[in-house]
PDB file of N, CA and C in Angstrom:
ATOM      1  N   MET A   1     -10.597  -9.713  25.005  1.00  0.00           N
ATOM      2  CA  MET A   1     -10.416 -10.309  23.509  1.00  0.00           C
ATOM      3  C   MET A   1     -10.133  -8.593  22.635  1.00  0.00           C
ATOM      4  N   ALA A   2     -10.702  -7.815  22.698  1.00  0.00           N
ATOM      5  CA  ALA A   2     -10.126  -6.682  21.848  1.00  0.00           C
ATOM      6  C   ALA A   2      -8.927  -6.341  21.692  1.00  0.00           C
ATOM      7  N   GLU A   3      -8.168  -6.468  23.172  1.00  0.00           N
ATOM      8  CA  GLU A   3      -6.775  -6.458  23.132  1.00  0.00           C
ATOM      9  C   GLU A   3      -6.239  -7.542  22.189  1.00  0.00           C
ATOM     10  N   GLU A   4      -6.360  -8.696  21.997  1.00  0.00           N
ATOM     11  CA  GLU A   4      -5.606  -9.790  21.191  1.00  0.00           C
ATOM     12  C   GLU A   4      -5.963  -9.466  19.726  1.00  0.00           C
ATOM     13  N   LYS A   5      -6.927  -9.051  19.424  1.00  0.00           N
ATOM     14  CA  LYS A   5      -7.145  -8.465  18.070  1.00  0.00           C
ATOM     15  C   LYS A   5      -6.478  -7.483  17.420  1.00  0.00           C
ATOM     16  N   ASN A   6      -6.119  -6.425  18.089  1.00  0.00           N
ATOM     17  CA  ASN A   6      -5.050  -5.506  18.302  1.00  0.00           C
ATOM     18  C   ASN A   6      -3.590  -5.884  17.924  1.00  0.00           C
ATOM     19  N   ILE A   7      -3.306  -6.828  18.945  1.00  0.00           N
ATOM     20  CA  ILE A   7      -2.048  -7.567  18.726  1.00  0.00           C
ATOM     21  C   ILE A   7      -1.938  -8.072  17.634  1.00  0.00           C
ATOM     22  N   GLN A   8      -2.690  -8.866  17.227  1.00  0.00           N
ATOM     23  CA  GLN A   8      -2.820  -9.532  15.898  1.00  0.00           C
ATOM     24  C   GLN A   8      -2.758  -8.249  14.607  1.00  0.00           C
ATOM     25  N   ALA A   9      -3.533  -7.390  14.720  1.00  0.00           N
ATOM     26  CA  ALA A   9      -3.665  -6.652  13.719  1.00  0.00           C
ATOM     27  C   ALA A   9      -2.229  -5.919  13.499  1.00  0.00           C
ATOM     28  N   GLU A  10      -1.588  -5.841  14.800  1.00  0.00           N
ATOM     29  CA  GLU A  10      -0.126  -5.052  14.635  1.00  0.00           C
ATOM     30  C   GLU A  10       1.025  -6.081  14.109  1.00  0.00           C
ATOM     31  N   GLU A  11       0.906  -7.084  14.480  1.00  0.00           N
ATOM     32  CA  GLU A  11       1.710  -8.498  13.569  1.00  0.00           C
ATOM     33  C   GLU A  11       1.647  -8.240  12.398  1.00  0.00           C
ATOM     34  N   GLU A  12       0.561  -8.276  11.718  1.00  0.00           N
ATOM     35  CA  GLU A  12       0.140  -8.507  10.478  1.00  0.00           C
ATOM     36  C   GLU A  12       0.660  -7.155   9.799  1.00  0.00           C
ATOM     37  N   LEU A  13       0.631  -5.827  10.469  1.00  0.00           N
ATOM     38  CA  LEU A  13       1.394  -4.526   9.680  1.00  0.00           C
ATOM     39  C   LEU A  13       2.531  -4.877   9.672  1.00  0.00           C
ATOM     40  N   GLU A  14       3.206  -5.360  10.458  1.00  0.00           N
ATOM     41  CA  GLU A  14       4.959  -5.793  10.439  1.00  0.00           C
ATOM     42  C   GLU A  14       5.730  -6.237   9.273  1.00  0.00           C
ATOM     43  N   ALA A  15       6.257  -5.409   8.586  1.00  0.00           N
ATOM     44  CA  ALA A  15       7.006  -5.429   7.448  1.00  0.00           C
ATOM     45  C   ALA A  15       7.834  -6.594   7.517  1.00  0.00           C
ATOM     46  N   GLU A  16       7.883  -7.486   6.478  1.00  0.00           N
ATOM     47  CA  GLU A  16       8.790  -8.449   6.272  1.00  0.00           C
ATOM     48  C   GLU A  16      10.077  -8.104   5.586  1.00  0.00           C
ATOM     49  N   ILE A  17      11.387  -7.994   6.210  1.00  0.00           N
ATOM     50  CA  ILE A  17      12.295  -7.282   5.553  1.00  0.00           C
ATOM     51  C   ILE A  17      13.402  -8.334   5.263  1.00  0.00           C
ATOM     52  N   VAL A  18      14.161  -8.289   4.138  1.00  0.00           N
ATOM     53  CA  VAL A  18      15.137  -9.023   3.750  1.00  0.00           C
ATOM     54  C   VAL A  18      16.225  -8.500   3.648  1.00  0.00           C
ATOM     55  N   THR A  19      17.490  -8.884   3.783  1.00  0.00           N
ATOM     56  CA  THR A  19      18.874  -8.514   3.488  1.00  0.00           C
ATOM     57  C   THR A  19      19.311  -8.875   2.378  1.00  0.00           C
ATOM     58  N   LEU A  20      19.438  -8.404   1.079  1.00  0.00           N
ATOM     59  CA  LEU A  20      20.351  -9.044  -0.039  1.00  0.00           C
ATOM     60  C   LEU A  20      21.489  -8.530  -0.166  1.00  0.00           C
ATOM     61  N   THR A  21      22.723  -9.261  -0.512  1.00  0.00           N
ATOM     62  CA  THR A  21      23.883  -8.822  -0.992  1.00  0.00           C
ATOM     63  C   THR A  21      24.501  -9.053  -2.261  1.00  0.00           C
ATOM     64  N   ASP A  22      24.685  -7.657  -2.887  1.00  0.00           N
ATOM     65  CA  ASP A  22      25.010  -7.542  -4.239  1.00  0.00           C
ATOM     66  C   ASP A  22      26.443  -8.337  -4.553  1.00  0.00           C
ATOM     67  N   GLU A  23      26.894  -8.529  -5.955  1.00  0.00           N
ATOM     68  CA  GLU A  23      28.142  -9.190  -6.428  1.00  0.00           C
ATOM     69  C   GLU A  23      29.226  -8.349  -5.799  1.00  0.00           C
ATOM     70  N   ASP A  24      29.325  -7.110  -5.271  1.00  0.00           N
ATOM     71  CA  ASP A  24      29.967  -6.230  -4.552  1.00  0.00           C
ATOM     72  C   ASP A  24      30.249  -6.440  -3.105  1.00  0.00           C
ATOM     73  N   GLY A  25      29.183  -7.304  -2.513  1.00  0.00           N
ATOM     74  CA  GLY A  25      29.392  -7.628  -1.134  1.00  0.00           C
ATOM     75  C   GLY A  25      28.768  -6.885  -0.333  1.00  0.00           C
ATOM     76  N   ILE A  26      27.837  -5.694  -1.131  1.00  0.00           N
ATOM     77  CA  ILE A  26      27.041  -4.338  -0.471  1.00  0.00           C
ATOM     78  C   ILE A  26      26.057  -5.186   0.073  1.00  0.00           C
ATOM     79  N   GLU A  27      25.554  -5.283   1.369  1.00  0.00           N
ATOM     80  CA  GLU A  27      23.932  -5.326   1.891  1.00  0.00           C
ATOM     81  C   GLU A  27      23.094  -4.210   1.885  1.00  0.00           C
ATOM     82  N   SER A  28      22.183  -4.496   1.463  1.00  0.00           N
ATOM     83  CA  SER A  28      20.977  -3.406   1.130  1.00  0.00           C
ATOM     84  C   SER A  28      19.105  -4.485   1.877  1.00  0.00           C
ATOM     85  N   ASP A  29      18.602  -3.512   2.543  1.00  0.00           N
ATOM     86  CA  ASP A  29      17.646  -4.191   3.123  1.00  0.00           C
ATOM     87  C   ASP A  29      16.397  -3.586   2.202  1.00  0.00           C
ATOM     88  N   PHE A  30      15.444  -4.780   1.661  1.00  0.00           N
ATOM     89  CA  PHE A  30      14.036  -4.308   1.082  1.00  0.00           C
ATOM     90  C   PHE A  30      13.028  -5.140   1.996  1.00  0.00           C
ATOM     91  N   GLU A  31      12.012  -4.357   1.593  1.00  0.00           N
ATOM     92  CA  GLU A  31      10.482  -5.003   2.255  1.00  0.00           C
ATOM     93  C   GLU A  31       9.989  -5.601   1.163  1.00  0.00           C
ATOM     94  N   VAL A  32       9.412  -6.913   1.752  1.00  0.00           N
ATOM     95  CA  VAL A  32       8.669  -7.592   0.602  1.00  0.00           C
ATOM     96  C   VAL A  32       7.130  -6.996   0.607  1.00  0.00           C
ATOM     97  N   ILE A  33       6.387  -6.823  -0.799  1.00  0.00           N
ATOM     98  CA  ILE A  33       5.423  -6.162  -0.707  1.00  0.00           C
ATOM     99  C   ILE A  33       4.590  -7.182  -1.713  1.00  0.00           C
ATOM    100  N   GLY A  34       5.065  -8.352  -1.910  1.00  0.00           N
ATOM    101  CA  GLY A  34       4.231  -9.104  -2.512  1.00  0.00           C
ATOM    102  C   GLY A  34       4.867 -10.715  -2.921  1.00  0.00           C
ATOM    103  N   SER A  35       4.182 -11.676  -2.833  1.00  0.00           N
ATOM    104  CA  SER A  35       4.583 -12.691  -3.483  1.00  0.00           C
ATOM    105  C   SER A  35       3.589 -13.616  -4.381  1.00  0.00           C
ATOM    106  N   LEU A  36       4.263 -14.526  -4.958  1.00  0.00           N
ATOM    107  CA  LEU A  36       3.269 -15.202  -5.737  1.00  0.00           C
ATOM    108  C   LEU A  36       3.939 -16.569  -6.442  1.00  0.00           C
ATOM    109  N   GLU A  37       2.988 -17.613  -6.743  1.00  0.00           N
ATOM    110  CA  GLU A  37       3.479 -18.664  -7.329  1.00  0.00           C
ATOM    111  C   GLU A  37       2.866 -18.846  -8.612  1.00  0.00           C
ATOM    112  N   LEU A  38       3.667 -19.018  -9.558  1.00  0.00           N
ATOM    113  CA  LEU A  38       3.421 -19.402 -10.895  1.00  0.00           C
ATOM    114  C   LEU A  38       4.421 -20.022 -11.658  1.00  0.00           C
ATOM    115  N   ASP A  39       3.484 -21.306 -12.408  1.00  0.00           N
ATOM    116  CA  ASP A  39       4.297 -22.044 -12.946  1.00  0.00           C
ATOM    117  C   ASP A  39       5.215 -23.052 -12.048  1.00  0.00           C
ATOM    118  N   ASP A  40       4.852 -23.465 -10.849  1.00  0.00           N
ATOM    119  CA  ASP A  40       5.276 -24.329  -9.900  1.00  0.00           C
ATOM    120  C   ASP A  40       6.410 -23.513  -9.342  1.00  0.00           C
ATOM    121  N   ASN A  41       6.604 -22.319  -9.430  1.00  0.00           N
ATOM    122  CA  ASN A  41       7.805 -21.415  -9.038  1.00  0.00           C
ATOM    123  C   ASN A  41       7.455 -20.141  -8.217  1.00  0.00           C
ATOM    124  N   GLU A  42       8.055 -19.663  -6.986  1.00  0.00           N
ATOM    125  CA  GLU A  42       7.619 -18.660  -6.142  1.00  0.00           C
ATOM    126  C   GLU A  42       8.613 -17.630  -6.630  1.00  0.00           C
ATOM    127  N   TYR A  43       7.764 -16.453  -6.406  1.00  0.00           N
ATOM    128  CA  TYR A  43       8.379 -15.056  -6.573  1.00  0.00           C
ATOM    129  C   TYR A  43       8.317 -14.101  -5.529  1.00  0.00           C
ATOM    130  N   LEU A  44       9.267 -13.252  -5.156  1.00  0.00           N
ATOM    131  CA  LEU A  44       9.070 -12.109  -4.520  1.00  0.00           C
ATOM    132  C   LEU A  44       8.889 -10.598  -5.052  1.00  0.00           C
ATOM    133  N   ALA A  45       7.932  -9.720  -4.327  1.00  0.00           N
ATOM    134  CA  ALA A  45       8.178  -8.253  -4.972  1.00  0.00           C
ATOM    135  C   ALA A  45       8.715  -7.473  -4.095  1.00  0.00           C
ATOM    136  N   LEU A  46      10.016  -6.858  -4.024  1.00  0.00           N
ATOM    137  CA  LEU A  46      10.441  -5.979  -3.082  1.00  0.00           C
ATOM    138  C   LEU A  46      10.950  -4.597  -3.569  1.00  0.00           C
ATOM    139  N   VAL A  47      10.717  -4.099  -2.402  1.00  0.00           N
ATOM    140  CA  VAL A  47      11.140  -2.271  -2.296  1.00  0.00           C
ATOM    141  C   VAL A  47      12.545  -2.047  -1.430  1.00  0.00           C
ATOM    142  N   PRO A  48      13.022  -1.055  -1.947  1.00  0.00           N
ATOM    143  CA  PRO A  48      14.284  -0.859  -0.879  1.00  0.00           C
ATOM    144  C   PRO A  48      13.502  -0.184   0.303  1.00  0.00           C
ATOM    145  N   VAL A  49      14.044  -0.437   1.537  1.00  0.00           N
ATOM    146  CA  VAL A  49      13.734   0.102   2.554  1.00  0.00           C
ATOM    147  C   VAL A  49      13.813   1.468   2.734  1.00  0.00           C
ATOM    148  N   ASP A  50      14.877   2.124   2.109  1.00  0.00           N
ATOM    149  CA  ASP A  50      15.627   3.227   2.303  1.00  0.00           C
ATOM    150  C   ASP A  50      14.844   4.075   1.222  1.00  0.00           C
ATOM    151  N   GLY A  51      13.562   3.471   0.552  1.00  0.00           N
ATOM    152  CA  GLY A  51      12.862   4.673  -0.239  1.00  0.00           C
ATOM    153  C   GLY A  51      13.580   5.237  -1.513  1.00  0.00           C
ATOM    154  N   GLU A  52      14.616   4.859  -1.920  1.00  0.00           N
ATOM    155  CA  GLU A  52      15.246   5.652  -3.003  1.00  0.00           C
ATOM    156  C   GLU A  52      14.645   5.408  -4.203  1.00  0.00           C
ATOM    157  N   GLU A  53      13.858   4.412  -4.574  1.00  0.00           N
ATOM    158  CA  GLU A  53      13.402   4.105  -5.815  1.00  0.00           C
ATOM    159  C   GLU A  53      11.775   4.043  -5.765  1.00  0.00           C
ATOM    160  N   ASP A  54      11.146   4.157  -6.688  1.00  0.00           N
ATOM    161  CA  ASP A  54       9.822   4.368  -6.833  1.00  0.00           C
ATOM    162  C   ASP A  54       9.247   2.612  -7.431  1.00  0.00           C
ATOM    163  N   GLU A  55      10.087   2.044  -8.251  1.00  0.00           N
ATOM    164  CA  GLU A  55       9.727   0.573  -8.397  1.00  0.00           C
ATOM    165  C   GLU A  55      10.317  -0.550  -7.663  1.00  0.00           C
ATOM    166  N   TYR A  56       9.682  -1.548  -7.936  1.00  0.00           N
ATOM    167  CA  TYR A  56       9.809  -2.732  -7.087  1.00  0.00           C
ATOM    168  C   TYR A  56      10.529  -3.647  -8.168  1.00  0.00           C
ATOM    169  N   ILE A  57      11.441  -4.630  -7.433  1.00  0.00           N
ATOM    170  CA  ILE A  57      12.074  -5.810  -8.211  1.00  0.00           C
ATOM    171  C   ILE A  57      11.534  -6.934  -7.839  1.00  0.00           C
ATOM    172  N   ILE A  58      11.468  -7.886  -8.864  1.00  0.00           N
ATOM    173  CA  ILE A  58      11.201  -9.002  -8.696  1.00  0.00           C
ATOM    174  C   ILE A  58      12.334 -10.455  -8.792  1.00  0.00           C
ATOM    175  N   LEU A  59      12.383 -10.958  -7.955  1.00  0.00           N
ATOM    176  CA  LEU A  59      13.006 -12.325  -7.566  1.00  0.00           C
ATOM    177  C   LEU A  59      12.677 -13.637  -7.437  1.00  0.00           C
ATOM    178  N   LYS A  60      13.562 -14.407  -7.952  1.00  0.00           N
ATOM    179  CA  LYS A  60      12.539 -15.834  -7.849  1.00  0.00           C
ATOM    180  C   LYS A  60      13.465 -16.761  -6.530  1.00  0.00           C
ATOM    181  N   ILE A  61      12.743 -17.443  -6.056  1.00  0.00           N
ATOM    182  CA  ILE A  61      12.870 -18.130  -4.817  1.00  0.00           C
ATOM    183  C   ILE A  61      13.531 -19.664  -5.523  1.00  0.00           C
ATOM    184  N   VAL A  62      14.623 -20.157  -5.284  1.00  0.00           N
ATOM    185  CA  VAL A  62      14.956 -21.076  -5.838  1.00  0.00           C
ATOM    186  C   VAL A  62      15.616 -21.997  -4.337  1.00  0.00           C
ATOM    187  N   VAL A  63      15.685 -23.108  -4.520  1.00  0.00           N
ATOM    188  CA  VAL A  63      16.438 -24.147  -3.441  1.00  0.00           C
ATOM    189  C   VAL A  63      17.651 -24.536  -3.737  1.00  0.00           C
ATOM    190  N   GLU A  64      18.739 -24.105  -3.285  1.00  0.00           N
ATOM    191  CA  GLU A  64      20.322 -24.630  -3.474  1.00  0.00           C
ATOM    192  C   GLU A  64      20.481 -25.194  -2.090  1.00  0.00           C
ATOM    193  N   ASN A  65      21.207 -26.449  -1.961  1.00  0.00           N
ATOM    194  CA  ASN A  65      21.720 -26.997  -0.794  1.00  0.00           C
ATOM    195  C   ASN A  65      20.589 -26.952   0.465  1.00  0.00           C
ATOM    196  N   GLU A  66      19.422 -27.240   0.250  1.00  0.00           N
ATOM    197  CA  GLU A  66      18.301 -27.205   1.256  1.00  0.00           C
ATOM    198  C   GLU A  66      18.062 -25.736   1.691  1.00  0.00           C
ATOM    199  N   GLU A  67      18.576 -24.778   1.064  1.00  0.00           N
ATOM    200  CA  GLU A  67      18.479 -23.519   1.643  1.00  0.00           C
ATOM    201  C   GLU A  67      17.793 -22.473   0.354  1.00  0.00           C
ATOM    202  N   GLU A  68      16.328 -21.689   0.691  1.00  0.00           N
ATOM    203  CA  GLU A  68      16.145 -20.974  -0.385  1.00  0.00           C
ATOM    204  C   GLU A  68      16.877 -19.674  -0.191  1.00  0.00           C
ATOM    205  N   VAL A  69      16.994 -19.270  -1.738  1.00  0.00           N
ATOM    206  CA  VAL A  69      17.972 -18.131  -2.136  1.00  0.00           C
ATOM    207  C   VAL A  69      17.059 -17.671  -3.109  1.00  0.00           C
ATOM    208  N   LEU A  70      17.462 -16.372  -2.965  1.00  0.00           N
ATOM    209  CA  LEU A  70      16.339 -15.574  -4.009  1.00  0.00           C
ATOM    210  C   LEU A  70      17.653 -15.098  -5.334  1.00  0.00           C
ATOM    211  N   VAL A  71      17.108 -15.338  -6.303  1.00  0.00           N
ATOM    212  CA  VAL A  71      17.750 -14.855  -7.510  1.00  0.00           C
ATOM    213  C   VAL A  71      16.966 -13.948  -8.391  1.00  0.00           C
ATOM    214  N   THR A  72      17.617 -13.481  -9.331  1.00  0.00           N
ATOM    215  CA  THR A  72      17.155 -12.850 -10.319  1.00  0.00           C
ATOM    216  C   THR A  72      16.536 -13.606 -11.585  1.00  0.00           C
ATOM    217  N   ILE A  73      15.616 -13.279 -12.402  1.00  0.00           N
ATOM    218  CA  ILE A  73      15.049 -14.191 -13.342  1.00  0.00           C
ATOM    219  C   ILE A  73      15.936 -13.828 -15.019  1.00  0.00           C
ATOM    220  N   ASP A  74      16.496 -14.578 -15.421  1.00  0.00           N
ATOM    221  CA  ASP A  74      17.302 -14.168 -16.591  1.00  0.00           C
ATOM    222  C   ASP A  74      16.493 -14.687 -17.596  1.00  0.00           C
ATOM    223  N   ASP A  75      15.453 -15.590 -17.774  1.00  0.00           N
ATOM    224  CA  ASP A  75      14.708 -15.432 -18.927  1.00  0.00           C
ATOM    225  C   ASP A  75      13.631 -14.549 -18.625  1.00  0.00           C
ATOM    226  N   ASP A  76      13.834 -13.822 -20.257  1.00  0.00           N
ATOM    227  CA  ASP A  76      12.842 -12.733 -20.592  1.00  0.00           C
ATOM    228  C   ASP A  76      11.642 -13.112 -20.642  1.00  0.00           C
ATOM    229  N   GLU A  77      10.819 -14.097 -21.055  1.00  0.00           N
ATOM    230  CA  GLU A  77       9.820 -14.119 -21.168  1.00  0.00           C
ATOM    231  C   GLU A  77       9.069 -14.887 -19.908  1.00  0.00           C
ATOM    232  N   GLU A  78       9.912 -15.621 -18.970  1.00  0.00           N
ATOM    233  CA  GLU A  78       9.370 -15.653 -17.495  1.00  0.00           C
ATOM    234  C   GLU A  78       9.483 -14.356 -16.683  1.00  0.00           C
ATOM    235  N   PHE A  79      10.185 -13.582 -17.030  1.00  0.00           N
ATOM    236  CA  PHE A  79      10.328 -12.409 -16.227  1.00  0.00           C
ATOM    237  C   PHE A  79       8.899 -12.072 -16.528  1.00  0.00           C
ATOM    238  N   ASP A  80       8.560 -11.623 -18.022  1.00  0.00           N
ATOM    239  CA  ASP A  80       7.697 -10.756 -18.311  1.00  0.00           C
ATOM    240  C   ASP A  80       6.161 -11.173 -18.002  1.00  0.00           C
ATOM    241  N   ARG A  81       6.489 -12.429 -17.968  1.00  0.00           N
ATOM    242  CA  ARG A  81       4.988 -13.212 -16.915  1.00  0.00           C
ATOM    243  C   ARG A  81       4.923 -12.854 -15.916  1.00  0.00           C
ATOM    244  N   VAL A  82       5.683 -12.868 -14.861  1.00  0.00           N
ATOM    245  CA  VAL A  82       5.790 -12.832 -13.685  1.00  0.00           C
ATOM    246  C   VAL A  82       5.465 -11.274 -13.445  1.00  0.00           C
ATOM    247  N   ALA A  83       6.075 -10.365 -14.076  1.00  0.00           N
ATOM    248  CA  ALA A  83       6.043  -8.857 -13.791  1.00  0.00           C
ATOM    249  C   ALA A  83       4.678  -8.550 -14.173  1.00  0.00           C
ATOM    250  N   ASP A  84       3.855  -9.435 -15.277  1.00  0.00           N
ATOM    251  CA  ASP A  84       2.699  -8.920 -15.620  1.00  0.00           C
ATOM    252  C   ASP A  84       1.672  -9.645 -14.498  1.00  0.00           C
ATOM    253  N   ALA A  85       1.510 -10.659 -13.825  1.00  0.00           N
ATOM    254  CA  ALA A  85       1.266 -10.974 -12.704  1.00  0.00           C
ATOM    255  C   ALA A  85       1.472 -10.055 -11.574  1.00  0.00           C
ATOM    256  N   PHE A  86       2.542  -9.651 -11.046  1.00  0.00           N
ATOM    257  CA  PHE A  86       2.569  -8.700 -10.106  1.00  0.00           C
ATOM    258  C   PHE A  86       2.179  -7.462 -10.321  1.00  0.00           C
ATOM    259  N   ASP A  87       2.063  -6.714 -11.591  1.00  0.00           N
ATOM    260  CA  ASP A  87       1.514  -5.523 -11.823  1.00  0.00           C
ATOM    261  C   ASP A  87      -0.127  -5.737 -11.690  1.00  0.00           C
ATOM    262  N   ASN A  88      -0.555  -6.904 -11.836  1.00  0.00           N
ATOM    263  CA  ASN A  88      -2.238  -6.907 -11.832  1.00  0.00           C
ATOM    264  C   ASN A  88      -2.430  -6.844 -10.342  1.00  0.00           C
ATOM    265  N   GLU A  89      -1.317  -7.779  -9.801  1.00  0.00           N
ATOM    266  CA  GLU A  89      -1.619  -7.861  -8.034  1.00  0.00           C
ATOM    267  C   GLU A  89      -1.399  -6.572  -7.330  1.00  0.00           C
ATOM    268  N   LEU A  90      -0.218  -6.046  -7.364  1.00  0.00           N
ATOM    269  CA  LEU A  90       0.213  -4.829  -6.781  1.00  0.00           C
ATOM    270  C   LEU A  90      -0.533  -3.815  -6.970  1.00  0.00           C
ATOM    271  N   GLU A  91      -1.151  -3.627  -8.329  1.00  0.00           N
ATOM    272  CA  GLU A  91      -2.174  -2.449  -8.755  1.00  0.00           C
ATOM    273  C   GLU A  91      -3.615  -2.561  -7.891  1.00  0.00           C
ATOM    274  N   GLU A  92      -3.861  -3.791  -7.894  1.00  0.00           N
ATOM    275  CA  GLU A  92      -5.094  -4.041  -6.886  1.00  0.00           C
ATOM    276  C   GLU A  92      -4.945  -3.397  -5.773  1.00  0.00           C
ATOM    277  N   VAL A  93      -3.891  -4.089  -4.696  1.00  0.00           N
ATOM    278  CA  VAL A  93      -3.893  -3.809  -3.590  1.00  0.00           C
ATOM    279  C   VAL A  93      -2.856  -2.640  -2.895  1.00  0.00           C
ATOM    280  N   PHE A  94      -2.063  -2.372  -3.863  1.00  0.00           N
ATOM    281  CA  PHE A  94      -1.361  -0.992  -3.474  1.00  0.00           C
ATOM    282  C   PHE A  94      -1.694   0.379  -4.399  1.00  0.00           C
ATOM    283  N   GLY A  95      -2.049  -0.030  -5.562  1.00  0.00           N
ATOM    284  CA  GLY A  95      -2.438   0.993  -6.317  1.00  0.00           C
ATOM    285  C   GLY A  95      -1.404   1.626  -7.107  1.00  0.00           C
ATOM    286  N   TYR A  96      -0.374   0.633  -7.054  1.00  0.00           N
ATOM    287  CA  TYR A  96       1.082   0.734  -8.047  1.00  0.00           C
ATOM    288  C   TYR A  96       0.312   0.580  -9.585  1.00  0.00           C
ATOM    289  N   ASP A  97       0.908   1.940 -10.379  1.00  0.00           N
ATOM    290  CA  ASP A  97       0.585   1.888 -11.661  1.00  0.00           C
ATOM    291  C   ASP A  97       1.370   1.104 -12.805  1.00  0.00           C
ATOM    292  N   GLU A  98       1.472   0.674 -13.871  1.00  0.00           N
ATOM    293  CA  GLU A  98       1.828  -0.245 -14.598  1.00  0.00           C
ATOM    294  C   GLU A  98       2.807   0.583 -15.800  1.00  0.00           C
ATOM    295  N   GLU A  99       3.508   1.454 -15.214  1.00  0.00           N
ATOM    296  CA  GLU A  99       4.471   2.340 -16.246  1.00  0.00           C
ATOM    297  C   GLU A  99       5.668   2.041 -16.538  1.00  0.00           C
TER     298      GLU A  99
END
């Protein structure tokens, strides 16, 4: 029984890694540190796996051709609402500061 709990705990600790391709075709790996739904949309907070940056990025999940795609948030008001929500959530969970 204890062995099952340890396996489950290890699985929960495994990071979810996504590979993103920029406009120049360069691939970079990011760790998902948070997700949330807001105004019927879903968003992810990501940090680079290589650890070069202390900040996280926020991307919106949209469905294109029946496939989930991560896109930047172009609307400033939408971005501000989502960023505020993530700042509050991540500050509580990870101790990120809203600077």
